[in-house]
PDB file of all heavy atoms in Angstrom:
ATOM      1  N   VAL A   1     -75.815 -59.174 -61.716  1.00  0.00           N
ATOM      2  CA  VAL A   1     -75.950 -59.273 -60.270  1.00  0.00           C
ATOM      3  C   VAL A   1     -75.222 -60.525 -59.783  1.00  0.00           C
ATOM      4  O   VAL A   1     -75.150 -61.520 -60.493  1.00  0.00           O
ATOM      5  CB  VAL A   1     -77.442 -59.310 -59.853  1.00  0.00           C
ATOM      6  CG1 VAL A   1     -78.129 -60.546 -60.436  1.00  0.00           C
ATOM      7  CG2 VAL A   1     -77.595 -59.258 -58.353  1.00  0.00           C
ATOM      8  N   GLN A   2     -74.669 -60.465 -58.574  1.00  0.00           N
ATOM      9  CA  GLN A   2     -73.992 -61.622 -57.995  1.00  0.00           C
ATOM     10  C   GLN A   2     -74.998 -62.609 -57.418  1.00  0.00           C
ATOM     11  O   GLN A   2     -76.110 -62.234 -57.046  1.00  0.00           O
ATOM     12  CB  GLN A   2     -73.031 -61.186 -56.894  1.00  0.00           C
ATOM     13  CG  GLN A   2     -71.812 -60.432 -57.383  1.00  0.00           C
ATOM     14  CD  GLN A   2     -70.824 -60.166 -56.282  1.00  0.00           C
ATOM     15  OE1 GLN A   2     -71.197 -59.718 -55.197  1.00  0.00           O
ATOM     16  NE2 GLN A   2     -69.553 -60.440 -56.542  1.00  0.00           N
ATOM     17  N   ALA A   3     -74.607 -63.869 -57.354  1.00  0.00           N
ATOM     18  CA  ALA A   3     -75.455 -64.895 -56.762  1.00  0.00           C
ATOM     19  C   ALA A   3     -75.855 -64.480 -55.349  1.00  0.00           C
ATOM     20  O   ALA A   3     -75.028 -63.999 -54.574  1.00  0.00           O
ATOM     21  CB  ALA A   3     -74.728 -66.233 -56.742  1.00  0.00           C
ATOM     22  N   GLY A   4     -77.139 -64.665 -55.033  1.00  0.00           N
ATOM     23  CA  GLY A   4     -77.654 -64.265 -53.739  1.00  0.00           C
ATOM     24  C   GLY A   4     -78.226 -62.862 -53.721  1.00  0.00           C
ATOM     25  O   GLY A   4     -78.883 -62.469 -52.753  1.00  0.00           O
ATOM     26  N   GLY A   5     -78.001 -62.119 -54.783  1.00  0.00           N
ATOM     27  CA  GLY A   5     -78.477 -60.757 -54.874  1.00  0.00           C
ATOM     28  C   GLY A   5     -79.902 -60.653 -55.385  1.00  0.00           C
ATOM     29  O   GLY A   5     -80.577 -61.661 -55.602  1.00  0.00           O
ATOM     30  N   SER A   6     -80.358 -59.416 -55.600  1.00  0.00           N
ATOM     31  CA  SER A   6     -81.724 -59.155 -56.040  1.00  0.00           C
ATOM     32  C   SER A   6     -81.754 -58.231 -57.242  1.00  0.00           C
ATOM     33  O   SER A   6     -80.839 -57.446 -57.467  1.00  0.00           O
ATOM     34  CB  SER A   6     -82.537 -58.522 -54.909  1.00  0.00           C
ATOM     35  OG  SER A   6     -82.619 -59.365 -53.780  1.00  0.00           O
ATOM     36  N   LEU A   7     -82.843 -58.328 -57.988  1.00  0.00           N
ATOM     37  CA  LEU A   7     -83.045 -57.498 -59.161  1.00  0.00           C
ATOM     38  C   LEU A   7     -84.539 -57.431 -59.451  1.00  0.00           C
ATOM     39  O   LEU A   7     -85.252 -58.404 -59.223  1.00  0.00           O
ATOM     40  CB  LEU A   7     -82.305 -58.086 -60.361  1.00  0.00           C
ATOM     41  CG  LEU A   7     -82.090 -57.200 -61.591  1.00  0.00           C
ATOM     42  CD1 LEU A   7     -81.148 -56.051 -61.254  1.00  0.00           C
ATOM     43  CD2 LEU A   7     -81.522 -58.026 -62.731  1.00  0.00           C
ATOM     44  N   ARG A   8     -85.011 -56.293 -59.948  1.00  0.00           N
ATOM     45  CA  ARG A   8     -86.411 -56.163 -60.336  1.00  0.00           C
ATOM     46  C   ARG A   8     -86.495 -55.749 -61.793  1.00  0.00           C
ATOM     47  O   ARG A   8     -85.924 -54.732 -62.187  1.00  0.00           O
ATOM     48  CB  ARG A   8     -87.146 -55.133 -59.473  1.00  0.00           C
ATOM     49  CG  ARG A   8     -88.659 -55.122 -59.743  1.00  0.00           C
ATOM     50  CD  ARG A   8     -89.407 -54.121 -58.893  1.00  0.00           C
ATOM     51  NE  ARG A   8     -89.221 -52.750 -59.355  1.00  0.00           N
ATOM     52  CZ  ARG A   8     -89.987 -51.731 -58.987  1.00  0.00           C
ATOM     53  NH1 ARG A   8     -90.991 -51.923 -58.136  1.00  0.00           N
ATOM     54  NH2 ARG A   8     -89.727 -50.511 -59.444  1.00  0.00           N
ATOM     55  N   VAL A   9     -87.216 -56.537 -62.580  1.00  0.00           N
ATOM     56  CA  VAL A   9     -87.445 -56.205 -63.974  1.00  0.00           C
ATOM     57  C   VAL A   9     -88.871 -55.693 -64.126  1.00  0.00           C
ATOM     58  O   VAL A   9     -89.766 -56.079 -63.379  1.00  0.00           O
ATOM     59  CB  VAL A   9     -87.194 -57.406 -64.913  1.00  0.00           C
ATOM     60  CG1 VAL A   9     -85.709 -57.721 -64.974  1.00  0.00           C
ATOM     61  CG2 VAL A   9     -87.972 -58.636 -64.464  1.00  0.00           C
ATOM     62  N   SER A  10     -89.081 -54.811 -65.103  1.00  0.00           N
ATOM     63  CA  SER A  10     -90.382 -54.194 -65.320  1.00  0.00           C
ATOM     64  C   SER A  10     -90.834 -54.402 -66.759  1.00  0.00           C
ATOM     65  O   SER A  10     -90.018 -54.619 -67.652  1.00  0.00           O
ATOM     66  CB  SER A  10     -90.324 -52.694 -65.023  1.00  0.00           C
ATOM     67  OG  SER A  10     -89.897 -52.444 -63.705  1.00  0.00           O
ATOM     68  N   CYS A  11     -92.137 -54.305 -66.967  1.00  0.00           N
ATOM     69  CA  CYS A  11     -92.718 -54.429 -68.295  1.00  0.00           C
ATOM     70  C   CYS A  11     -93.819 -53.394 -68.442  1.00  0.00           C
ATOM     71  O   CYS A  11     -94.827 -53.452 -67.734  1.00  0.00           O
ATOM     72  CB  CYS A  11     -93.278 -55.839 -68.506  1.00  0.00           C
ATOM     73  SG  CYS A  11     -94.186 -56.062 -70.058  1.00  0.00           S
ATOM     74  N   ALA A  12     -93.625 -52.442 -69.345  1.00  0.00           N
ATOM     75  CA  ALA A  12     -94.605 -51.395 -69.597  1.00  0.00           C
ATOM     76  C   ALA A  12     -95.449 -51.769 -70.812  1.00  0.00           C
ATOM     77  O   ALA A  12     -94.911 -52.133 -71.854  1.00  0.00           O
ATOM     78  CB  ALA A  12     -93.906 -50.064 -69.830  1.00  0.00           C
ATOM     79  N   ALA A  13     -96.769 -51.668 -70.669  1.00  0.00           N
ATOM     80  CA  ALA A  13     -97.689 -52.038 -71.734  1.00  0.00           C
ATOM     81  C   ALA A  13     -98.384 -50.823 -72.326  1.00  0.00           C
ATOM     82  O   ALA A  13     -98.661 -49.842 -71.635  1.00  0.00           O
ATOM     83  CB  ALA A  13     -98.735 -53.018 -71.208  1.00  0.00           C
ATOM     84  N   SER A  14     -98.685 -50.909 -73.615  1.00  0.00           N
ATOM     85  CA  SER A  14     -99.442 -49.862 -74.293  1.00  0.00           C
ATOM     86  C   SER A  14    -100.346 -50.512 -75.333  1.00  0.00           C
ATOM     87  O   SER A  14    -100.118 -51.643 -75.742  1.00  0.00           O
ATOM     88  CB  SER A  14     -98.514 -48.848 -74.959  1.00  0.00           C
ATOM     89  OG  SER A  14     -97.725 -49.464 -75.965  1.00  0.00           O
ATOM     90  N   GLY A  15    -101.389 -49.783 -75.750  1.00  0.00           N
ATOM     91  CA  GLY A  15    -102.324 -50.322 -76.724  1.00  0.00           C
ATOM     92  C   GLY A  15    -103.703 -50.512 -76.123  1.00  0.00           C
ATOM     93  O   GLY A  15    -104.309 -49.557 -75.652  1.00  0.00           O
ATOM     94  N   ARG A  16    -104.187 -51.756 -76.116  1.00  0.00           N
ATOM     95  CA  ARG A  16    -105.490 -52.060 -75.547  1.00  0.00           C
ATOM     96  C   ARG A  16    -105.486 -51.929 -74.033  1.00  0.00           C
ATOM     97  O   ARG A  16    -104.425 -51.822 -73.416  1.00  0.00           O
ATOM     98  CB  ARG A  16    -105.936 -53.461 -75.961  1.00  0.00           C
ATOM     99  CG  ARG A  16    -105.899 -53.713 -77.460  1.00  0.00           C
ATOM    100  CD  ARG A  16    -106.876 -52.824 -78.212  1.00  0.00           C
ATOM    101  NE  ARG A  16    -108.260 -53.226 -77.995  1.00  0.00           N
ATOM    102  CZ  ARG A  16    -109.305 -52.693 -78.595  1.00  0.00           C
ATOM    103  NH1 ARG A  16    -109.133 -51.701 -79.467  1.00  0.00           N
ATOM    104  NH2 ARG A  16    -110.528 -53.121 -78.329  1.00  0.00           N
ATOM    105  N   THR A  17    -106.669 -51.976 -73.439  1.00  0.00           N
ATOM    106  CA  THR A  17    -106.822 -51.789 -71.998  1.00  0.00           C
ATOM    107  C   THR A  17    -106.004 -52.802 -71.213  1.00  0.00           C
ATOM    108  O   THR A  17    -106.240 -54.004 -71.293  1.00  0.00           O
ATOM    109  CB  THR A  17    -108.296 -51.890 -71.596  1.00  0.00           C
ATOM    110  OG1 THR A  17    -109.059 -50.955 -72.353  1.00  0.00           O
ATOM    111  CG2 THR A  17    -108.467 -51.594 -70.119  1.00  0.00           C
ATOM    112  N   PHE A  18    -105.053 -52.309 -70.433  1.00  0.00           N
ATOM    113  CA  PHE A  18    -104.136 -53.148 -69.684  1.00  0.00           C
ATOM    114  C   PHE A  18    -104.841 -54.032 -68.668  1.00  0.00           C
ATOM    115  O   PHE A  18    -104.478 -55.197 -68.484  1.00  0.00           O
ATOM    116  CB  PHE A  18    -103.094 -52.265 -68.999  1.00  0.00           C
ATOM    117  CG  PHE A  18    -102.095 -53.013 -68.171  1.00  0.00           C
ATOM    118  CD1 PHE A  18    -101.098 -53.755 -68.765  1.00  0.00           C
ATOM    119  CD2 PHE A  18    -102.152 -52.956 -66.781  1.00  0.00           C
ATOM    120  CE1 PHE A  18    -100.160 -54.440 -68.004  1.00  0.00           C
ATOM    121  CE2 PHE A  18    -101.221 -53.633 -66.014  1.00  0.00           C
ATOM    122  CZ  PHE A  18    -100.224 -54.377 -66.626  1.00  0.00           C
ATOM    123  N   THR A  19    -105.850 -53.502 -67.995  1.00  0.00           N
ATOM    124  CA  THR A  19    -106.528 -54.236 -66.932  1.00  0.00           C
ATOM    125  C   THR A  19    -107.295 -55.455 -67.419  1.00  0.00           C
ATOM    126  O   THR A  19    -107.672 -56.301 -66.620  1.00  0.00           O
ATOM    127  CB  THR A  19    -107.482 -53.325 -66.149  1.00  0.00           C
ATOM    128  OG1 THR A  19    -108.383 -52.680 -67.058  1.00  0.00           O
ATOM    129  CG2 THR A  19    -106.704 -52.260 -65.388  1.00  0.00           C
ATOM    130  N   ASN A  20    -107.547 -55.565 -68.707  1.00  0.00           N
ATOM    131  CA  ASN A  20    -108.272 -56.702 -69.263  1.00  0.00           C
ATOM    132  C   ASN A  20    -107.372 -57.902 -69.538  1.00  0.00           C
ATOM    133  O   ASN A  20    -107.851 -58.948 -69.966  1.00  0.00           O
ATOM    134  CB  ASN A  20    -108.987 -56.312 -70.558  1.00  0.00           C
ATOM    135  CG  ASN A  20    -110.197 -55.435 -70.316  1.00  0.00           C
ATOM    136  OD1 ASN A  20    -110.621 -54.707 -71.208  1.00  0.00           O
ATOM    137  ND2 ASN A  20    -110.756 -55.495 -69.124  1.00  0.00           N
ATOM    138  N   TYR A  21    -106.079 -57.769 -69.303  1.00  0.00           N
ATOM    139  CA  TYR A  21    -105.128 -58.827 -69.595  1.00  0.00           C
ATOM    140  C   TYR A  21    -104.462 -59.375 -68.343  1.00  0.00           C
ATOM    141  O   TYR A  21    -104.143 -58.638 -67.416  1.00  0.00           O
ATOM    142  CB  TYR A  21    -104.036 -58.311 -70.540  1.00  0.00           C
ATOM    143  CG  TYR A  21    -104.526 -57.966 -71.920  1.00  0.00           C
ATOM    144  CD1 TYR A  21    -104.999 -56.697 -72.212  1.00  0.00           C
ATOM    145  CD2 TYR A  21    -104.507 -58.917 -72.936  1.00  0.00           C
ATOM    146  CE1 TYR A  21    -105.453 -56.377 -73.477  1.00  0.00           C
ATOM    147  CE2 TYR A  21    -104.956 -58.612 -74.210  1.00  0.00           C
ATOM    148  CZ  TYR A  21    -105.423 -57.336 -74.477  1.00  0.00           C
ATOM    149  OH  TYR A  21    -105.865 -57.031 -75.735  1.00  0.00           O
ATOM    150  N   ILE A  22    -104.255 -60.681 -68.352  1.00  0.00           N
ATOM    151  CA  ILE A  22    -103.371 -61.257 -67.356  1.00  0.00           C
ATOM    152  C   ILE A  22    -101.957 -61.052 -67.891  1.00  0.00           C
ATOM    153  O   ILE A  22    -101.765 -60.919 -69.103  1.00  0.00           O
ATOM    154  CB  ILE A  22    -103.640 -62.761 -67.114  1.00  0.00           C
ATOM    155  CG1 ILE A  22    -103.370 -63.577 -68.388  1.00  0.00           C
ATOM    156  CG2 ILE A  22    -105.064 -62.972 -66.629  1.00  0.00           C
ATOM    157  CD1 ILE A  22    -103.288 -65.069 -68.126  1.00  0.00           C
ATOM    158  N   MET A  23    -100.989 -61.022 -66.996  1.00  0.00           N
ATOM    159  CA  MET A  23     -99.614 -60.776 -67.398  1.00  0.00           C
ATOM    160  C   MET A  23     -98.708 -61.877 -66.873  1.00  0.00           C
ATOM    161  O   MET A  23     -99.004 -62.511 -65.856  1.00  0.00           O
ATOM    162  CB  MET A  23     -99.141 -59.418 -66.878  1.00  0.00           C
ATOM    163  CG  MET A  23     -99.972 -58.233 -67.350  1.00  0.00           C
ATOM    164  SD  MET A  23     -99.909 -58.009 -69.152  1.00  0.00           S
ATOM    165  CE  MET A  23     -98.167 -57.642 -69.380  1.00  0.00           C
ATOM    166  N   GLY A  24     -97.599 -62.078 -67.557  1.00  0.00           N
ATOM    167  CA  GLY A  24     -96.686 -63.112 -67.128  1.00  0.00           C
ATOM    168  C   GLY A  24     -95.258 -62.859 -67.542  1.00  0.00           C
ATOM    169  O   GLY A  24     -94.967 -61.943 -68.321  1.00  0.00           O
ATOM    170  N   TRP A  25     -94.375 -63.684 -66.994  1.00  0.00           N
ATOM    171  CA  TRP A  25     -92.954 -63.630 -67.321  1.00  0.00           C
ATOM    172  C   TRP A  25     -92.457 -65.013 -67.727  1.00  0.00           C
ATOM    173  O   TRP A  25     -92.793 -66.021 -67.092  1.00  0.00           O
ATOM    174  CB  TRP A  25     -92.126 -63.146 -66.130  1.00  0.00           C
ATOM    175  CG  TRP A  25     -92.294 -61.696 -65.802  1.00  0.00           C
ATOM    176  CD1 TRP A  25     -93.145 -61.151 -64.903  1.00  0.00           C
ATOM    177  CD2 TRP A  25     -91.571 -60.609 -66.384  1.00  0.00           C
ATOM    178  NE1 TRP A  25     -93.002 -59.790 -64.873  1.00  0.00           N
ATOM    179  CE2 TRP A  25     -92.038 -59.430 -65.779  1.00  0.00           C
ATOM    180  CE3 TRP A  25     -90.571 -60.516 -67.346  1.00  0.00           C
ATOM    181  CZ2 TRP A  25     -91.548 -58.169 -66.109  1.00  0.00           C
ATOM    182  CZ3 TRP A  25     -90.087 -59.263 -67.682  1.00  0.00           C
ATOM    183  CH2 TRP A  25     -90.569 -58.113 -67.067  1.00  0.00           C
ATOM    184  N   PHE A  26     -91.661 -65.049 -68.784  1.00  0.00           N
ATOM    185  CA  PHE A  26     -90.950 -66.238 -69.220  1.00  0.00           C
ATOM    186  C   PHE A  26     -89.472 -65.898 -69.283  1.00  0.00           C
ATOM    187  O   PHE A  26     -89.098 -64.733 -69.262  1.00  0.00           O
ATOM    188  CB  PHE A  26     -91.428 -66.688 -70.607  1.00  0.00           C
ATOM    189  CG  PHE A  26     -92.737 -67.430 -70.607  1.00  0.00           C
ATOM    190  CD1 PHE A  26     -93.928 -66.771 -70.373  1.00  0.00           C
ATOM    191  CD2 PHE A  26     -92.766 -68.796 -70.856  1.00  0.00           C
ATOM    192  CE1 PHE A  26     -95.135 -67.451 -70.378  1.00  0.00           C
ATOM    193  CE2 PHE A  26     -93.967 -69.490 -70.876  1.00  0.00           C
ATOM    194  CZ  PHE A  26     -95.150 -68.821 -70.634  1.00  0.00           C
ATOM    195  N   ARG A  27     -88.629 -66.921 -69.390  1.00  0.00           N
ATOM    196  CA  ARG A  27     -87.204 -66.677 -69.556  1.00  0.00           C
ATOM    197  C   ARG A  27     -86.616 -67.721 -70.493  1.00  0.00           C
ATOM    198  O   ARG A  27     -87.132 -68.821 -70.621  1.00  0.00           O
ATOM    199  CB  ARG A  27     -86.476 -66.698 -68.212  1.00  0.00           C
ATOM    200  CG  ARG A  27     -86.479 -68.050 -67.505  1.00  0.00           C
ATOM    201  CD  ARG A  27     -85.881 -67.919 -66.114  1.00  0.00           C
ATOM    202  NE  ARG A  27     -85.806 -69.202 -65.426  1.00  0.00           N
ATOM    203  CZ  ARG A  27     -85.423 -69.358 -64.164  1.00  0.00           C
ATOM    204  NH1 ARG A  27     -85.074 -68.298 -63.441  1.00  0.00           N
ATOM    205  NH2 ARG A  27     -85.381 -70.567 -63.616  1.00  0.00           N
ATOM    206  N   GLN A  28     -85.522 -67.346 -71.148  1.00  0.00           N
ATOM    207  CA  GLN A  28     -84.873 -68.244 -72.083  1.00  0.00           C
ATOM    208  C   GLN A  28     -83.363 -68.068 -72.031  1.00  0.00           C
ATOM    209  O   GLN A  28     -82.847 -66.973 -72.249  1.00  0.00           O
ATOM    210  CB  GLN A  28     -85.382 -68.004 -73.507  1.00  0.00           C
ATOM    211  CG  GLN A  28     -84.867 -69.001 -74.529  1.00  0.00           C
ATOM    212  CD  GLN A  28     -85.605 -68.904 -75.848  1.00  0.00           C
ATOM    213  OE1 GLN A  28     -86.168 -67.871 -76.194  1.00  0.00           O
ATOM    214  NE2 GLN A  28     -85.622 -69.997 -76.596  1.00  0.00           N
ATOM    215  N   ALA A  29     -82.663 -69.155 -71.745  1.00  0.00           N
ATOM    216  CA  ALA A  29     -81.213 -69.172 -71.730  1.00  0.00           C
ATOM    217  C   ALA A  29     -80.706 -69.661 -73.078  1.00  0.00           C
ATOM    218  O   ALA A  29     -81.425 -70.371 -73.790  1.00  0.00           O
ATOM    219  CB  ALA A  29     -80.708 -70.077 -70.617  1.00  0.00           C
TER     220      ALA A  29
END
């Protein structure tokens, strides 16, 4: 994406009950 633009990333979970977990995002360059 170009500077100033937008993007949406998603994360699908499976396994234990999803609602019992807090969720987060990290990044690494």
